[in-house]
Amino acid sequence: MVSFYGFVSVFFHFALSLYYSKIDKVGDKHIPKHGPVIFAGSHPNSLIDPLIIMTTCGRKVRTIAKSTIFSIPVIGTLVRWMGTIPVHRRQDFEGKVQNNEAAIHSMATILISGDCLCIFPEGISHDNSELSGLKTGFARAALIAANEIVKRDPHISPDTLITIIPVGLNYMEKEKFRSAVFVEFGEPICIDMKTLEESNISEEKNRQVVRRLTDTLTISLNKVTLTASSWDELRVLHLAEELYLDDPEVKDRHLDALDVYHKFLTVYRKIKGNADVQQLFKEVQDYRVQLDLLKVSDRDIRTLSLSKFSLLLKLFETVFLYSIIFPLSLPGLIIHGPLGILLDYLSHKLAMEKTGLDKSSVAHYRVLGAILFTPIVYAVIGVATWYIFGIKGVLPVIGTIFASGFVAIKFTPFTLTLRALGLVLKLFLVNVSQLKTQRRKLQVKVRDAVNEQRVNL
């Protein structure tokens, strides 16, 4: 029999697969199949973050959340059913200090039972391109749990009492519908018997161990999270990584894109003061600006032929393909299109009111809005169908609209056809050959810089 948690996990996996075009994960080999685990994640995308970890880690997890979420209608009920632990944050209570000892012990109880805990030690979701300072609650809970585990089973293996897995949640344009997510599970941080015994020597030693575990997690999270001094810097380095991987002398090596991106970021932080590196960064940035002004991607420049005739053929090919898909998706577009526009408007409005348009709030307002409003829309359609065609017509109509909506979301034919048309018109007005030449020169420069800096790829 499917548990409530299993049902909810499958549901959210399906919902997230519709919202995001791709959710890739790496490093899940580090996750133990049994025993207590703390999944400690970066926190760039509010309520979406725990759902991503829940649906990609392969273990049943319990989460913690700010206490104010529990008062939100429907959402509050859902998080209670999921066994979420409330945490009282100072910023939610006008700066008044809150006692979270009960939450710490609840977290420890989950670990003692051998289950998994999902926590975001930054303590707040944010729109910054760098990690915020980590709170120490996860380490305190882990040590309390480890002590109790040893008391209950003195013969337990001393090597790993509690496993902490750093989780980097990396969103490419996180506020955009059908964007991509990269999840990286880092190398485990193990609390062993030696660490536990050291923490039990004295209160001062306990504080030192807690601080050391927090510092270790900070280092580990930085390794699995794409961080930079600004989002613009991340976008430029991402473009440099794309140029490098598409270089004819590199692409046959089949390098992992996320791994290359991480190494680009790591090396760039060390050499960003170099004059030649600054000049190359500026040239890639200028190319990025040109693409943004044209509203095209590097892939568009890379894949489209130089000739105007070839561009027209590409357009006709796209229109023909989607002229087949479009009729299938039309009912879904009619029903889901207005709802999508409404949710886009409301998500930006709410994010502006609550956080000053923090991008970390836009996606979760959209997803939660879809979860709340889509059943209402389908219920109204079902009732109307029942009234007009009778009970036998409900299932076929609802099934057709659902399937058509799935096609519409997955293929977005109308949008892609318009984009193809707009792309051709724009590239007719610019010198595509010049852009391609500029792109090729940048590829060579990026490759030479990688070789010169001896980046180990």
Protein backbone atom coordinates (compact mmCIF):
# COMPACT_ATOMS: atom_id res chain seq x y z
CA MET A 1 0.00 0.00 0.00
CA VAL A 2 1.34 3.44 -0.98
CA SER A 3 1.97 5.65 2.06
CA PHE A 4 0.84 9.26 2.28
CA TYR A 5 4.48 10.33 2.01
CA GLY A 6 4.96 8.17 -1.10
CA PHE A 7 1.87 9.65 -2.73
CA VAL A 8 2.93 13.23 -1.96
CA SER A 9 6.49 12.56 -3.17
CA VAL A 10 5.27 11.18 -6.52
CA PHE A 11 2.84 14.09 -6.87
CA PHE A 12 5.52 16.70 -6.29
CA HIS A 13 7.95 14.87 -8.57
CA PHE A 14 5.36 15.11 -11.35
CA ALA A 15 4.58 18.78 -10.58
CA LEU A 16 8.25 19.77 -10.56
CA SER A 17 8.91 17.88 -13.80
CA LEU A 18 6.24 20.05 -15.42
CA TYR A 19 7.58 23.31 -14.01
CA TYR A 20 11.27 22.62 -14.72
CA SER A 21 12.48 21.42 -18.11
CA LYS A 22 15.29 19.39 -16.52
CA ILE A 23 16.25 18.28 -13.01
CA ASP A 24 19.69 16.68 -13.07
CA LYS A 25 21.37 15.17 -10.03
CA VAL A 26 24.94 14.06 -9.40
CA GLY A 27 26.71 12.61 -6.37
CA ASP A 28 23.76 10.54 -5.09
CA LYS A 29 26.26 7.68 -4.68
CA HIS A 30 27.32 9.45 -1.46
CA ILE A 31 23.88 8.90 0.13
CA PRO A 32 23.79 5.88 2.48
CA LYS A 33 20.84 3.55 1.91
CA HIS A 34 20.26 3.10 5.64
CA GLY A 35 20.89 4.99 8.87
CA PRO A 36 20.35 8.59 10.00
CA VAL A 37 21.23 11.27 7.44
CA ILE A 38 21.08 15.06 7.51
CA PHE A 39 20.60 16.57 4.06
CA ALA A 40 21.98 20.10 4.52
CA GLY A 41 21.11 22.18 1.48
CA SER A 42 21.74 25.63 0.11
CA HIS A 43 18.53 27.67 0.12
CA PRO A 44 18.07 29.80 -3.01
CA ASN A 45 14.46 28.96 -3.89
CA SER A 46 12.23 29.00 -0.82
CA LEU A 47 9.66 26.16 -0.53
CA ILE A 48 10.84 24.59 -3.80
CA ASP A 49 14.18 23.56 -2.23
CA PRO A 50 12.86 20.89 0.18
CA LEU A 51 10.65 19.48 -2.59
CA ILE A 52 13.67 19.12 -4.89
CA ILE A 53 15.63 17.26 -2.19
CA MET A 54 12.60 15.10 -1.30
CA THR A 55 12.16 13.97 -4.91
CA THR A 56 15.83 13.40 -5.77
CA CYS A 57 17.53 11.94 -2.67
CA GLY A 58 15.95 8.48 -2.76
CA ARG A 59 15.27 8.47 1.01
CA LYS A 60 12.24 9.42 3.07
CA VAL A 61 12.98 12.79 4.65
CA ARG A 62 11.45 15.03 7.28
CA THR A 63 11.99 18.77 6.98
CA ILE A 64 12.05 21.84 9.17
CA ALA A 65 10.35 25.11 8.22
CA LYS A 66 9.77 28.56 9.64
CA SER A 67 6.84 28.51 12.06
CA THR A 68 4.88 31.16 10.13
CA ILE A 69 4.28 28.68 7.27
CA PHE A 70 2.10 26.58 9.57
CA SER A 71 -0.51 29.36 9.72
CA ILE A 72 -0.98 29.49 5.92
CA PRO A 73 -4.26 27.80 4.87
CA VAL A 74 -3.86 24.44 3.09
CA ILE A 75 -0.03 24.73 3.09
CA GLY A 76 0.05 24.65 6.89
CA THR A 77 -2.10 21.51 6.95
CA LEU A 78 0.07 19.82 4.32
CA VAL A 79 3.36 20.49 6.14
CA ARG A 80 1.86 19.16 9.38
CA TRP A 81 0.81 15.95 7.61
CA MET A 82 4.35 15.63 6.27
CA GLY A 83 5.74 15.78 9.82
CA THR A 84 7.55 19.08 9.29
CA ILE A 85 9.20 20.61 12.37
CA PRO A 86 8.47 24.31 13.06
CA VAL A 87 11.36 26.65 13.82
CA HIS A 88 10.79 30.06 15.37
CA ARG A 89 13.06 32.58 13.65
CA ARG A 90 13.98 35.85 15.30
CA GLN A 91 13.17 37.87 12.14
CA ASP A 92 9.60 36.51 12.16
CA PHE A 93 8.95 37.85 15.66
CA GLU A 94 10.20 41.45 15.45
CA GLY A 95 13.71 40.53 16.56
CA LYS A 96 12.63 38.82 19.78
CA VAL A 97 14.84 35.89 20.74
CA GLN A 98 12.98 32.58 20.31
CA ASN A 99 13.71 29.31 22.11
CA ASN A 100 14.21 26.54 19.55
CA GLU A 101 15.43 23.85 21.94
CA ALA A 102 12.23 21.87 21.31
CA ALA A 103 12.92 21.96 17.56
CA ILE A 104 16.53 20.85 18.11
CA HIS A 105 15.36 17.85 20.15
CA SER A 106 12.66 17.02 17.58
CA MET A 107 15.36 16.98 14.90
CA ALA A 108 17.50 14.72 17.07
CA THR A 109 14.54 12.35 17.63
CA ILE A 110 14.17 11.90 13.86
CA LEU A 111 17.86 10.97 13.58
CA ILE A 112 17.71 8.63 16.57
CA SER A 113 14.97 6.66 14.82
CA GLY A 114 17.29 6.17 11.83
CA ASP A 115 15.38 8.50 9.53
CA CYS A 116 16.57 11.42 7.39
CA LEU A 117 16.32 15.12 8.05
CA CYS A 118 16.29 17.90 5.45
CA ILE A 119 17.57 21.21 6.76
CA PHE A 120 18.74 24.52 5.33
CA PRO A 121 21.37 25.83 7.75
CA GLU A 122 21.49 29.30 6.17
CA GLY A 123 18.19 29.79 8.00
CA ILE A 124 16.65 31.90 5.26
CA SER A 125 15.91 31.62 1.55
CA HIS A 126 17.59 34.41 -0.39
CA ASP A 127 18.37 35.79 -3.83
CA ASN A 128 22.10 36.29 -3.28
CA SER A 129 24.73 34.64 -5.45
CA GLU A 130 26.76 33.59 -2.39
CA LEU A 131 25.93 31.49 0.66
CA SER A 132 24.82 33.22 3.85
CA GLY A 133 26.36 32.34 7.21
CA LEU A 134 25.27 28.92 8.49
CA LYS A 135 23.39 28.36 11.75
CA THR A 136 24.65 25.66 14.14
CA GLY A 137 21.37 23.90 14.93
CA PHE A 138 22.02 20.93 12.65
CA ALA A 139 25.33 20.15 14.42
CA ARG A 140 23.79 20.41 17.89
CA ALA A 141 20.94 18.09 16.88
CA ALA A 142 23.38 15.62 15.32
CA LEU A 143 25.52 15.41 18.49
CA ILE A 144 22.46 14.95 20.73
CA ALA A 145 21.24 12.17 18.44
CA ALA A 146 24.67 10.51 18.28
CA ASN A 147 24.88 10.35 22.08
CA GLU A 148 21.47 8.70 22.32
CA ILE A 149 22.27 6.24 19.51
CA VAL A 150 25.42 5.09 21.35
CA LYS A 151 23.48 4.72 24.62
CA ARG A 152 20.91 2.51 22.91
CA ASP A 153 23.48 0.42 21.05
CA PRO A 154 26.96 0.47 22.66
CA HIS A 155 28.26 -1.97 20.00
CA ILE A 156 27.37 0.23 17.06
CA SER A 157 30.09 0.85 14.46
CA PRO A 158 32.22 3.78 15.67
CA ASP A 159 33.03 4.99 12.15
CA THR A 160 29.74 6.67 11.24
CA LEU A 161 27.05 7.51 13.77
CA ILE A 162 25.42 10.34 11.78
CA THR A 163 25.99 11.23 8.12
CA ILE A 164 25.71 14.82 6.90
CA ILE A 165 25.27 15.24 3.13
CA PRO A 166 25.82 18.76 1.72
CA VAL A 167 23.35 19.46 -1.09
CA GLY A 168 23.98 22.15 -3.68
CA LEU A 169 20.74 23.36 -5.29
CA ASN A 170 21.65 25.20 -8.47
CA TYR A 171 18.92 26.85 -10.51
CA MET A 172 19.50 28.26 -13.97
CA GLU A 173 17.20 31.34 -14.02
CA LYS A 174 15.16 30.00 -11.12
CA GLU A 175 12.25 32.42 -11.57
CA LYS A 176 11.58 31.23 -15.14
CA PHE A 177 9.10 28.53 -16.12
CA ARG A 178 10.72 25.47 -17.79
CA SER A 179 14.23 26.39 -16.64
CA ALA A 180 16.73 23.80 -15.37
CA VAL A 181 17.89 22.59 -11.94
CA PHE A 182 21.21 20.91 -11.07
CA VAL A 183 21.35 19.07 -7.75
CA GLU A 184 24.71 17.98 -6.40
CA PHE A 185 25.06 15.73 -3.34
CA GLY A 186 28.52 16.32 -1.91
CA GLU A 187 30.93 14.04 -0.08
CA PRO A 188 29.57 12.99 3.33
CA ILE A 189 30.62 14.57 6.59
CA CYS A 190 30.63 11.78 9.18
CA ILE A 191 30.17 12.15 12.92
CA ASP A 192 32.13 9.26 14.38
CA MET A 193 32.84 8.07 17.90
CA LYS A 194 36.01 10.14 18.16
CA THR A 195 34.15 13.36 17.34
CA LEU A 196 31.38 12.48 19.79
CA GLU A 197 33.78 11.72 22.64
CA GLU A 198 35.58 15.02 22.03
CA SER A 199 32.30 16.93 22.21
CA ASN A 200 31.46 15.29 25.55
CA ILE A 201 34.65 16.41 27.33
CA SER A 202 33.22 19.79 28.31
CA GLU A 203 30.73 22.46 27.22
CA GLU A 204 33.57 24.42 25.66
CA LYS A 205 34.74 21.39 23.68
CA ASN A 206 31.14 20.81 22.58
CA ARG A 207 30.95 24.36 21.25
CA GLN A 208 34.24 23.89 19.41
CA VAL A 209 33.03 20.67 17.75
CA VAL A 210 29.74 22.33 16.77
CA ARG A 211 31.66 25.24 15.26
CA ARG A 212 34.05 22.90 13.44
CA LEU A 213 31.19 20.88 11.95
CA THR A 214 29.51 24.11 10.83
CA ASP A 215 32.73 25.38 9.23
CA THR A 216 33.26 22.03 7.49
CA LEU A 217 29.73 22.14 6.11
CA THR A 218 30.27 25.71 4.89
CA ILE A 219 33.31 24.59 2.89
CA SER A 220 31.46 21.54 1.54
CA LEU A 221 28.38 23.55 0.54
CA ASN A 222 30.55 26.04 -1.32
CA LYS A 223 32.00 23.13 -3.30
CA VAL A 224 28.59 21.90 -4.48
CA THR A 225 26.89 25.27 -4.89
CA LEU A 226 27.49 27.57 -7.85
CA THR A 227 28.50 30.74 -6.04
CA ALA A 228 30.01 33.97 -7.32
CA SER A 229 30.12 37.65 -6.42
CA SER A 230 27.08 38.37 -8.64
CA TRP A 231 24.51 36.64 -10.84
CA ASP A 232 26.03 38.37 -13.86
CA GLU A 233 29.35 36.72 -13.05
CA LEU A 234 27.65 33.31 -12.88
CA ARG A 235 25.95 33.87 -16.25
CA VAL A 236 29.20 34.93 -17.94
CA LEU A 237 31.10 31.93 -16.55
CA HIS A 238 28.24 29.64 -17.58
CA LEU A 239 28.52 31.01 -21.13
CA ALA A 240 32.30 30.50 -21.05
CA GLU A 241 31.71 26.88 -19.98
CA GLU A 242 29.26 26.37 -22.88
CA LEU A 243 31.75 27.83 -25.35
CA TYR A 244 34.51 25.60 -24.00
CA LEU A 245 32.47 22.37 -24.09
CA ASP A 246 31.40 23.05 -27.68
CA ASP A 247 34.96 23.64 -28.87
CA PRO A 248 35.81 21.07 -31.59
CA GLU A 249 38.99 20.11 -29.74
CA VAL A 250 37.12 19.54 -26.47
CA LYS A 251 33.63 18.17 -27.21
CA ASP A 252 34.85 14.63 -28.01
CA ARG A 253 36.07 14.31 -24.40
CA HIS A 254 32.43 14.17 -23.19
CA LEU A 255 33.13 16.22 -20.07
CA ASP A 256 30.45 16.68 -17.41
CA ALA A 257 29.02 20.19 -17.80
CA LEU A 258 28.33 20.76 -14.11
CA ASP A 259 31.81 19.58 -13.12
CA VAL A 260 33.39 21.93 -15.66
CA TYR A 261 31.23 24.81 -14.41
CA HIS A 262 32.33 24.18 -10.81
CA LYS A 263 36.00 24.13 -11.79
CA PHE A 264 35.62 27.31 -13.86
CA LEU A 265 34.15 29.05 -10.81
CA THR A 266 36.80 27.72 -8.44
CA VAL A 267 39.71 28.73 -10.68
CA TYR A 268 38.16 32.08 -11.61
CA ARG A 269 37.89 33.11 -7.96
CA LYS A 270 41.65 32.60 -7.62
CA ILE A 271 42.74 34.37 -10.83
CA LYS A 272 40.05 37.03 -11.38
CA GLY A 273 42.61 39.75 -10.63
CA ASN A 274 44.73 38.72 -13.64
CA ALA A 275 44.57 41.37 -16.39
CA ASP A 276 44.29 38.84 -19.23
CA VAL A 277 41.51 36.98 -17.41
CA GLN A 278 39.65 40.27 -16.82
CA GLN A 279 39.91 41.11 -20.53
CA LEU A 280 38.58 37.67 -21.56
CA PHE A 281 35.76 37.98 -19.02
CA LYS A 282 34.78 41.34 -20.54
CA GLU A 283 34.78 39.90 -24.08
CA VAL A 284 32.54 36.99 -23.07
CA GLN A 285 30.35 39.45 -21.16
CA ASP A 286 30.01 41.65 -24.28
CA TYR A 287 28.97 38.60 -26.32
CA ARG A 288 26.44 37.75 -23.60
CA VAL A 289 25.00 41.29 -23.82
CA GLN A 290 24.60 40.97 -27.60
CA LEU A 291 22.72 37.70 -27.16
CA ASP A 292 20.49 39.29 -24.51
CA LEU A 293 19.70 42.27 -26.74
CA LEU A 294 18.75 39.93 -29.58
CA LYS A 295 16.92 37.66 -27.12
CA VAL A 296 18.67 34.62 -28.57
CA SER A 297 20.83 31.96 -26.92
CA ASP A 298 24.36 30.84 -27.70
CA ARG A 299 22.80 27.59 -28.91
CA ASP A 300 20.83 29.57 -31.53
CA ILE A 301 24.03 31.05 -32.92
CA ARG A 302 25.79 27.69 -32.75
CA THR A 303 23.15 25.54 -34.44
CA LEU A 304 21.71 27.81 -37.12
CA SER A 305 23.35 27.89 -40.55
CA LEU A 306 24.74 31.13 -41.96
CA SER A 307 22.55 31.40 -45.05
CA LYS A 308 19.19 33.17 -45.03
CA PHE A 309 17.75 30.28 -47.04
CA SER A 310 18.81 27.80 -44.34
CA LEU A 311 17.20 30.00 -41.70
CA LEU A 312 13.94 29.92 -43.64
CA LEU A 313 14.15 26.13 -43.93
CA LYS A 314 14.64 25.95 -40.17
CA LEU A 315 11.56 28.09 -39.67
CA PHE A 316 9.41 25.98 -42.00
CA GLU A 317 10.66 22.80 -40.32
CA THR A 318 9.67 24.16 -36.90
CA VAL A 319 6.28 25.39 -38.09
CA PHE A 320 5.53 22.03 -39.76
CA LEU A 321 6.53 20.05 -36.67
CA TYR A 322 4.41 22.10 -34.34
CA SER A 323 1.49 22.33 -36.73
CA ILE A 324 1.10 18.62 -35.92
CA ILE A 325 1.53 19.07 -32.16
CA PHE A 326 -0.46 22.31 -31.89
CA PRO A 327 -3.95 20.80 -32.45
CA LEU A 328 -3.21 18.20 -29.76
CA SER A 329 -2.22 20.89 -27.28
CA LEU A 330 -4.94 23.43 -28.12
CA PRO A 331 -7.50 22.35 -25.45
CA GLY A 332 -4.73 22.38 -22.86
CA LEU A 333 -3.56 25.81 -23.96
CA ILE A 334 -7.09 27.20 -23.76
CA ILE A 335 -7.58 25.90 -20.21
CA HIS A 336 -4.07 26.18 -18.76
CA GLY A 337 -2.88 29.28 -20.65
CA PRO A 338 -5.04 31.83 -18.77
CA LEU A 339 -4.28 30.08 -15.48
CA GLY A 340 -0.54 30.29 -16.24
CA ILE A 341 -0.78 34.00 -17.07
CA LEU A 342 -2.76 34.64 -13.87
CA LEU A 343 -0.27 32.71 -11.73
CA ASP A 344 2.65 34.55 -13.34
CA TYR A 345 1.03 37.89 -12.49
CA LEU A 346 0.11 36.88 -8.95
CA SER A 347 3.50 35.30 -8.20
CA HIS A 348 5.37 38.46 -9.19
CA LYS A 349 2.87 40.64 -7.31
CA LEU A 350 3.14 38.59 -4.12
CA ALA A 351 6.93 38.37 -4.40
CA MET A 352 7.09 42.15 -4.79
CA GLU A 353 4.86 42.74 -1.76
CA LYS A 354 6.53 40.17 0.49
CA THR A 355 10.19 40.32 -0.49
CA GLY A 356 10.72 43.20 -2.93
CA LEU A 357 10.65 40.77 -5.89
CA ASP A 358 13.16 38.34 -4.45
CA LYS A 359 13.50 35.70 -7.21
CA SER A 360 13.60 33.00 -4.54
CA SER A 361 9.87 33.57 -3.96
CA VAL A 362 8.53 33.72 -7.53
CA ALA A 363 8.83 30.01 -8.38
CA HIS A 364 7.30 28.76 -5.14
CA TYR A 365 4.32 31.11 -5.46
CA ARG A 366 3.80 29.79 -9.00
CA VAL A 367 4.08 26.11 -8.06
CA LEU A 368 1.96 26.41 -4.93
CA GLY A 369 -0.59 28.51 -6.85
CA ALA A 370 -0.82 25.82 -9.52
CA ILE A 371 -1.28 23.13 -6.86
CA LEU A 372 -4.10 25.13 -5.25
CA PHE A 373 -5.92 26.47 -8.34
CA THR A 374 -5.57 23.63 -10.88
CA PRO A 375 -7.85 21.22 -8.94
CA ILE A 376 -10.43 24.02 -8.65
CA VAL A 377 -10.32 24.62 -12.43
CA TYR A 378 -10.71 20.90 -13.12
CA ALA A 379 -13.53 20.63 -10.59
CA VAL A 380 -15.42 23.46 -12.32
CA ILE A 381 -14.87 21.81 -15.73
CA GLY A 382 -16.03 18.47 -14.32
CA VAL A 383 -19.23 19.94 -12.88
CA ALA A 384 -19.97 21.82 -16.11
CA THR A 385 -19.37 18.66 -18.16
CA TRP A 386 -21.62 16.64 -15.87
CA TYR A 387 -24.37 19.24 -16.23
CA ILE A 388 -24.13 19.36 -20.05
CA PHE A 389 -23.20 15.79 -21.06
CA GLY A 390 -23.94 13.74 -17.98
CA ILE A 391 -21.67 11.74 -15.70
CA LYS A 392 -20.29 9.61 -18.57
CA GLY A 393 -18.76 12.64 -20.22
CA VAL A 394 -16.71 13.80 -17.22
CA LEU A 395 -13.82 11.34 -17.39
CA PRO A 396 -13.20 11.65 -21.18
CA VAL A 397 -13.29 15.47 -21.07
CA ILE A 398 -11.08 15.76 -17.99
CA GLY A 399 -8.67 13.15 -19.40
CA THR A 400 -8.46 14.91 -22.76
CA ILE A 401 -7.79 18.31 -21.19
CA PHE A 402 -5.18 16.83 -18.83
CA ALA A 403 -3.33 15.02 -21.66
CA SER A 404 -3.54 18.07 -23.89
CA GLY A 405 -2.27 20.30 -21.09
CA PHE A 406 0.66 17.94 -20.54
CA VAL A 407 1.59 18.22 -24.25
CA ALA A 408 1.17 22.00 -24.14
CA ILE A 409 3.50 22.36 -21.15
CA LYS A 410 6.12 19.89 -22.35
CA PHE A 411 6.30 21.16 -25.94
CA THR A 412 4.88 24.73 -25.73
CA PRO A 413 4.33 24.64 -29.53
CA PHE A 414 2.76 28.05 -29.96
CA THR A 415 5.52 29.78 -28.00
CA LEU A 416 8.30 27.91 -29.80
CA THR A 417 6.84 28.64 -33.23
CA LEU A 418 6.62 32.35 -32.43
CA ARG A 419 10.14 32.27 -31.03
CA ALA A 420 11.45 30.59 -34.19
CA LEU A 421 9.76 33.22 -36.32
CA GLY A 422 11.12 36.04 -34.17
CA LEU A 423 14.59 34.50 -34.19
CA VAL A 424 14.70 34.27 -37.98
CA LEU A 425 13.53 37.86 -38.36
CA LYS A 426 16.17 39.09 -35.91
CA LEU A 427 18.97 37.15 -37.52
CA PHE A 428 17.92 38.49 -40.91
CA LEU A 429 18.61 41.95 -39.55
CA VAL A 430 22.02 41.23 -38.02
CA ASN A 431 25.28 39.91 -39.33
CA VAL A 432 25.09 36.26 -38.28
CA SER A 433 28.46 35.53 -39.84
CA GLN A 434 30.08 38.18 -37.66
CA LEU A 435 28.48 36.71 -34.52
CA LYS A 436 29.68 33.23 -35.43
CA THR A 437 33.20 34.53 -36.06
CA GLN A 438 33.15 36.34 -32.73
CA ARG A 439 31.92 33.17 -31.04
CA ARG A 440 34.67 31.02 -32.57
CA LYS A 441 37.39 33.47 -31.50
CA LEU A 442 36.02 33.41 -27.95
CA GLN A 443 36.06 29.60 -27.95
CA VAL A 444 39.75 29.59 -28.84
CA LYS A 445 40.54 32.20 -26.19
CA VAL A 446 38.63 30.31 -23.50
CA ARG A 447 40.35 27.03 -24.43
CA ASP A 448 43.78 28.70 -24.39
CA ALA A 449 43.02 30.26 -20.99
CA VAL A 450 42.00 26.86 -19.59
CA ASN A 451 45.20 25.31 -20.89
CA GLU A 452 47.34 28.21 -19.66
CA GLN A 453 45.86 28.04 -16.15
CA ARG A 454 46.21 24.23 -16.19
CA VAL A 455 42.61 23.67 -15.12
CA ASN A 456 42.32 19.95 -14.37
CA LEU A 457 39.31 18.85 -16.44
